[in-house]
Amino acid sequence: MAKAARAEFFLALMCLIWGATFSVIRESLAATDPYLYLALRFSLALPMAAVLFRRHLKLHDPRLLRSGLLLGLAMTGGFLFQTVGLAYTTASRSGFITAIYIVLVPLLLALKRRRIPAPGVLFAALLAMGGVGLLSGGIEAFRGGGWLGLGESLTLLSGTFFAVQILLSGSLPTPENQWTLHFWQIAVVTVLAWICWLLFGSARILPDTQLLISLLFTGMLGTVVAFAFQLRFQRETSAERAAVVFSLEPVFAAVTAFILLGERLGLVELLGGGLILVALLLSRHTK
């Protein structure tokens, strides 16, 4: 029990870090291009990961390189759509919608196994999508001719890529190689982020202390340390209890958005966030 409690504490700390990144990134996008921000974030994370995991890295293993490339591609999609989406939606909305990856994992897993998803999984997916709709403006947005705004649509794609990344993680080489895979996926995101910036981004940047602190926070804590917590501690507790802890991420995102940015969710948006939280818990407790 003590071991599991310790693991859940560090997973909750991970969720707090991840939740705070939504506000930190949202505030920083006024000073720089989202593609450039992502490239700079992972460029800071990569050397830190190399130093932190240097004793465990097996960079000459081609099998791990191939697996790392797959993970990196999925992670790139997740962070790319999340970061660009934050330029068009609020941090609190982004936090709730990104967390849909928890609902999508069992749904995609059932499709991968060519099985009909369990009724509970389908119900959780419907709840989650209803929650997304309410967070996106609810009935008024639908009457206006659109269900999802650009920011919400991009964030929903982000959650889908994160779900794929989780599924890939479960079918890749054994846990003793986790640090090498983590390094490779960071390296892949770094390279692809710079390519995306060259193709789609701009050189807009207003360097200041706030932007530097944001990059350090998201690059080192939000990327290297938080993912290290997940790799290290998630296996020391049950999947059901881990799912409960993970559901704290969008809550932390909303709280930090209120504290740092003054964002307030209306009654309809709060209802949408509540539906997503119920869906997160339901999806991981359904066989």
Protein backbone atom coordinates (compact mmCIF):
# COMPACT_ATOMS: atom_id res chain seq x y z
CA MET A 1 0.00 0.00 0.00
CA ALA A 2 2.82 2.41 0.84
CA LYS A 3 4.45 1.72 -2.52
CA ALA A 4 1.19 2.34 -4.38
CA ALA A 5 0.51 5.50 -2.38
CA ARG A 6 3.96 6.84 -3.26
CA ALA A 7 3.39 6.04 -6.93
CA GLU A 8 0.01 7.80 -6.93
CA PHE A 9 1.55 10.86 -5.26
CA PHE A 10 4.13 11.21 -8.04
CA LEU A 11 1.49 10.57 -10.72
CA ALA A 12 -0.65 13.31 -9.17
CA LEU A 13 2.41 15.59 -9.22
CA MET A 14 2.85 14.69 -12.89
CA CYS A 15 -0.78 15.66 -13.57
CA LEU A 16 -0.27 18.95 -11.74
CA ILE A 17 2.75 19.73 -13.94
CA TRP A 18 0.89 18.75 -17.11
CA GLY A 19 -2.18 20.72 -16.05
CA ALA A 20 -0.09 23.84 -15.47
CA THR A 21 1.55 23.58 -18.90
CA PHE A 22 -1.72 24.52 -20.65
CA SER A 23 -1.77 27.96 -19.03
CA VAL A 24 1.98 28.46 -19.34
CA ILE A 25 1.91 27.68 -23.08
CA ARG A 26 -1.27 29.68 -23.70
CA GLU A 27 0.29 32.77 -22.15
CA SER A 28 3.55 32.33 -24.10
CA LEU A 29 1.95 32.08 -27.53
CA ALA A 30 1.42 35.84 -27.53
CA ALA A 31 5.21 36.15 -27.69
CA THR A 32 6.08 33.53 -30.29
CA ASP A 33 4.86 31.27 -33.08
CA PRO A 34 3.37 27.95 -31.78
CA TYR A 35 5.55 25.84 -34.09
CA LEU A 36 8.67 27.69 -32.95
CA TYR A 37 7.61 27.35 -29.31
CA LEU A 38 7.29 23.58 -29.68
CA ALA A 39 10.66 23.30 -31.41
CA LEU A 40 12.38 25.34 -28.70
CA ARG A 41 10.63 23.39 -25.94
CA PHE A 42 11.85 20.02 -27.17
CA SER A 43 15.29 21.36 -28.07
CA LEU A 44 15.69 22.17 -24.37
CA ALA A 45 14.24 18.80 -23.32
CA LEU A 46 16.51 16.67 -25.53
CA PRO A 47 19.92 17.43 -23.93
CA MET A 48 18.40 17.17 -20.45
CA ALA A 49 17.02 13.72 -21.31
CA ALA A 50 20.43 12.70 -22.67
CA VAL A 51 22.11 13.71 -19.41
CA LEU A 52 19.44 12.34 -17.09
CA PHE A 53 19.14 8.93 -18.77
CA ARG A 54 22.71 8.57 -20.08
CA ARG A 55 23.44 5.40 -18.08
CA HIS A 56 20.39 3.63 -19.49
CA LEU A 57 20.52 4.65 -23.15
CA LYS A 58 21.03 1.99 -25.84
CA LEU A 59 21.25 4.24 -28.88
CA HIS A 60 22.89 1.61 -31.14
CA ASP A 61 19.94 -0.79 -30.91
CA PRO A 62 18.04 -0.51 -34.24
CA ARG A 63 14.95 -2.18 -32.77
CA LEU A 64 14.65 0.54 -30.13
CA LEU A 65 15.27 3.22 -32.75
CA ARG A 66 12.38 1.96 -34.89
CA SER A 67 10.10 1.81 -31.87
CA GLY A 68 11.19 5.26 -30.77
CA LEU A 69 10.40 6.64 -34.22
CA LEU A 70 6.84 5.30 -34.03
CA LEU A 71 6.35 6.72 -30.56
CA GLY A 72 7.88 10.02 -31.64
CA LEU A 73 5.55 10.34 -34.63
CA ALA A 74 2.50 9.85 -32.42
CA MET A 75 3.85 12.20 -29.76
CA THR A 76 4.62 14.84 -32.40
CA GLY A 77 1.00 14.79 -33.54
CA GLY A 78 -0.19 15.09 -29.95
CA PHE A 79 1.98 18.04 -28.96
CA LEU A 80 1.76 19.77 -32.35
CA PHE A 81 -2.04 19.89 -32.47
CA GLN A 82 -2.23 20.72 -28.76
CA THR A 83 0.19 23.64 -29.00
CA VAL A 84 -1.29 25.12 -32.17
CA GLY A 85 -4.80 24.55 -30.80
CA LEU A 86 -3.95 26.55 -27.69
CA ALA A 87 -3.57 29.61 -29.90
CA TYR A 88 -7.31 29.37 -30.68
CA THR A 89 -8.93 28.12 -27.46
CA THR A 90 -8.60 28.56 -23.72
CA ALA A 91 -6.21 26.62 -21.49
CA SER A 92 -9.05 25.13 -19.44
CA ARG A 93 -10.93 23.89 -22.51
CA SER A 94 -7.72 22.46 -23.96
CA GLY A 95 -7.02 20.57 -20.72
CA PHE A 96 -10.41 18.87 -20.67
CA ILE A 97 -10.46 18.03 -24.39
CA THR A 98 -6.89 16.68 -24.47
CA ALA A 99 -7.77 14.30 -21.63
CA ILE A 100 -10.16 12.49 -23.98
CA TYR A 101 -7.18 10.24 -24.81
CA ILE A 102 -8.19 8.27 -21.69
CA VAL A 103 -11.58 7.55 -23.26
CA LEU A 104 -10.14 6.84 -26.70
CA VAL A 105 -7.60 4.23 -25.55
CA PRO A 106 -10.13 1.44 -24.74
CA LEU A 107 -12.19 2.41 -27.80
CA LEU A 108 -9.22 2.16 -30.17
CA LEU A 109 -8.01 -1.00 -28.43
CA ALA A 110 -11.35 -2.69 -29.14
CA LEU A 111 -11.18 -1.63 -32.79
CA LYS A 112 -7.60 -2.90 -33.03
CA ARG A 113 -8.74 -6.30 -31.74
CA ARG A 114 -11.67 -6.23 -34.18
CA ARG A 115 -14.18 -6.39 -31.38
CA ILE A 116 -17.29 -4.38 -30.77
CA PRO A 117 -16.47 -1.92 -27.98
CA ALA A 118 -18.13 -2.66 -24.66
CA PRO A 119 -21.37 -0.71 -24.04
CA GLY A 120 -19.69 1.17 -21.19
CA VAL A 121 -16.87 2.29 -23.48
CA LEU A 122 -19.33 3.52 -26.11
CA PHE A 123 -21.35 5.33 -23.45
CA ALA A 124 -18.17 6.96 -22.11
CA ALA A 125 -17.26 8.09 -25.63
CA LEU A 126 -20.70 9.64 -26.11
CA LEU A 127 -20.45 11.42 -22.76
CA ALA A 128 -17.00 12.72 -23.65
CA MET A 129 -18.11 14.03 -27.02
CA GLY A 130 -21.10 15.69 -25.41
CA GLY A 131 -18.73 17.32 -22.95
CA VAL A 132 -16.55 18.57 -25.80
CA GLY A 133 -19.59 20.05 -27.48
CA LEU A 134 -20.58 21.94 -24.32
CA LEU A 135 -17.02 23.19 -23.82
CA SER A 136 -17.03 24.43 -27.42
CA GLY A 137 -20.02 26.67 -26.92
CA GLY A 138 -22.79 24.15 -26.59
CA ILE A 139 -26.17 24.70 -28.23
CA GLU A 140 -25.34 28.26 -29.29
CA ALA A 141 -22.30 27.09 -31.27
CA PHE A 142 -24.40 24.39 -32.95
CA ARG A 143 -27.06 26.92 -33.90
CA GLY A 144 -24.36 29.13 -35.33
CA GLY A 145 -23.46 26.44 -37.85
CA GLY A 146 -20.50 24.84 -36.16
CA TRP A 147 -20.05 22.28 -33.42
CA LEU A 148 -16.30 22.61 -32.88
CA GLY A 149 -14.14 25.66 -33.20
CA LEU A 150 -10.69 25.47 -34.76
CA GLY A 151 -8.91 25.30 -31.40
CA GLU A 152 -11.20 22.57 -30.07
CA SER A 153 -10.90 20.55 -33.30
CA LEU A 154 -7.09 20.67 -33.21
CA THR A 155 -7.10 19.73 -29.52
CA LEU A 156 -9.37 16.77 -30.21
CA LEU A 157 -6.85 15.58 -32.82
CA SER A 158 -4.16 16.03 -30.18
CA GLY A 159 -5.97 13.72 -27.77
CA THR A 160 -6.34 11.14 -30.53
CA PHE A 161 -2.60 11.12 -31.21
CA PHE A 162 -1.85 10.80 -27.50
CA ALA A 163 -4.19 7.79 -27.37
CA VAL A 164 -2.28 6.19 -30.26
CA GLN A 165 1.00 6.89 -28.45
CA ILE A 166 -0.29 5.07 -25.36
CA LEU A 167 -1.41 2.09 -27.43
CA LEU A 168 1.98 1.92 -29.12
CA SER A 169 3.71 2.06 -25.74
CA GLY A 170 1.86 -1.05 -24.65
CA SER A 171 3.08 -3.10 -27.61
CA LEU A 172 6.71 -1.97 -27.72
CA PRO A 173 9.88 -3.49 -26.19
CA THR A 174 10.17 -4.36 -22.51
CA PRO A 175 10.20 -1.84 -19.63
CA GLU A 176 13.99 -1.94 -19.11
CA ASN A 177 14.31 -0.05 -22.41
CA GLN A 178 11.81 2.66 -21.45
CA TRP A 179 14.42 5.39 -21.01
CA THR A 180 15.89 4.80 -24.46
CA LEU A 181 12.41 4.94 -26.01
CA HIS A 182 11.68 8.10 -24.07
CA PHE A 183 14.88 9.70 -25.39
CA TRP A 184 14.15 8.70 -28.99
CA GLN A 185 10.58 10.00 -28.92
CA ILE A 186 11.80 13.37 -27.59
CA ALA A 187 14.45 13.42 -30.34
CA VAL A 188 11.86 12.70 -33.04
CA VAL A 189 9.54 15.45 -31.81
CA THR A 190 12.47 17.88 -31.76
CA VAL A 191 13.40 17.20 -35.39
CA LEU A 192 9.82 17.17 -36.69
CA ALA A 193 8.92 20.33 -34.76
CA TRP A 194 11.74 22.23 -36.47
CA ILE A 195 10.63 20.89 -39.86
CA CYS A 196 7.03 21.98 -39.20
CA TRP A 197 8.26 25.42 -38.16
CA LEU A 198 10.26 25.76 -41.39
CA LEU A 199 7.22 24.70 -43.44
CA PHE A 200 4.34 26.40 -41.63
CA GLY A 201 5.68 28.71 -38.93
CA SER A 202 7.05 32.20 -38.70
CA ALA A 203 10.06 33.81 -37.07
CA ARG A 204 7.85 35.79 -34.69
CA ILE A 205 9.41 35.83 -31.23
CA LEU A 206 9.61 38.43 -28.47
CA PRO A 207 12.24 37.00 -26.12
CA ASP A 208 11.70 37.88 -22.49
CA THR A 209 12.03 36.32 -19.05
CA GLN A 210 8.48 34.98 -19.06
CA LEU A 211 9.02 33.10 -22.33
CA LEU A 212 12.31 31.63 -21.09
CA ILE A 213 10.71 30.43 -17.85
CA SER A 214 7.82 28.95 -19.85
CA LEU A 215 10.19 27.01 -22.14
CA LEU A 216 12.22 25.74 -19.19
CA PHE A 217 9.06 24.67 -17.33
CA THR A 218 7.44 22.88 -20.26
CA GLY A 219 10.66 21.49 -21.71
CA MET A 220 12.26 20.17 -18.54
CA LEU A 221 9.42 19.62 -16.10
CA GLY A 222 6.51 19.13 -18.49
CA THR A 223 8.38 16.87 -20.91
CA VAL A 224 11.37 15.13 -19.35
CA VAL A 225 10.45 14.95 -15.65
CA ALA A 226 6.69 14.42 -15.95
CA PHE A 227 7.04 11.62 -18.51
CA ALA A 228 9.79 10.08 -16.36
CA PHE A 229 7.33 10.03 -13.44
CA GLN A 230 4.81 8.23 -15.63
CA LEU A 231 7.31 5.66 -16.88
CA ARG A 232 8.68 5.06 -13.39
CA PHE A 233 5.57 5.01 -11.21
CA GLN A 234 2.51 4.05 -13.28
CA ARG A 235 3.36 0.36 -13.08
CA GLU A 236 3.43 0.49 -9.26
CA THR A 237 -0.32 1.03 -8.95
CA SER A 238 -3.40 -0.48 -10.57
CA ALA A 239 -4.71 0.75 -13.92
CA GLU A 240 -8.01 1.72 -12.26
CA ARG A 241 -6.35 3.86 -9.58
CA ALA A 242 -3.98 5.39 -12.13
CA ALA A 243 -7.01 6.37 -14.24
CA VAL A 244 -8.51 8.18 -11.27
CA VAL A 245 -5.26 10.10 -10.78
CA PHE A 246 -5.00 10.93 -14.50
CA SER A 247 -8.48 12.45 -14.39
CA LEU A 248 -6.96 15.18 -12.20
CA GLU A 249 -5.04 16.61 -15.18
CA PRO A 250 -7.93 18.61 -16.70
CA VAL A 251 -8.97 19.73 -13.21
CA PHE A 252 -5.47 21.06 -12.56
CA ALA A 253 -5.53 22.68 -16.01
CA ALA A 254 -8.76 24.54 -15.17
CA VAL A 255 -7.53 25.58 -11.71
CA THR A 256 -4.18 26.89 -12.96
CA ALA A 257 -5.93 28.67 -15.85
CA PHE A 258 -8.12 30.43 -13.29
CA ILE A 259 -5.13 31.37 -11.10
CA LEU A 260 -2.66 32.35 -13.83
CA LEU A 261 -4.91 33.65 -16.61
CA GLY A 262 -8.14 34.54 -14.85
CA GLU A 263 -10.09 32.12 -17.06
CA ARG A 264 -13.56 31.27 -15.81
CA LEU A 265 -15.73 28.46 -17.09
CA GLY A 266 -19.42 29.22 -17.45
CA LEU A 267 -22.13 26.90 -16.19
CA VAL A 268 -22.47 25.13 -19.55
CA GLU A 269 -18.69 24.70 -19.84
CA LEU A 270 -18.48 23.36 -16.28
CA LEU A 271 -21.16 20.82 -17.19
CA GLY A 272 -19.12 19.84 -20.25
CA GLY A 273 -15.99 19.39 -18.17
CA GLY A 274 -17.95 17.33 -15.66
CA LEU A 275 -19.23 15.03 -18.43
CA ILE A 276 -15.66 14.48 -19.62
CA LEU A 277 -14.47 13.65 -16.09
CA VAL A 278 -17.27 11.09 -15.68
CA ALA A 279 -16.36 9.61 -19.08
CA LEU A 280 -12.68 9.34 -18.09
CA LEU A 281 -13.47 7.39 -14.95
CA LEU A 282 -16.14 5.23 -16.60
CA SER A 283 -13.96 4.27 -19.57
CA ARG A 284 -11.14 2.89 -17.41
CA HIS A 285 -13.46 0.93 -15.14
CA THR A 286 -15.20 -0.77 -18.07
CA LYS A 287 -13.92 -4.15 -19.25
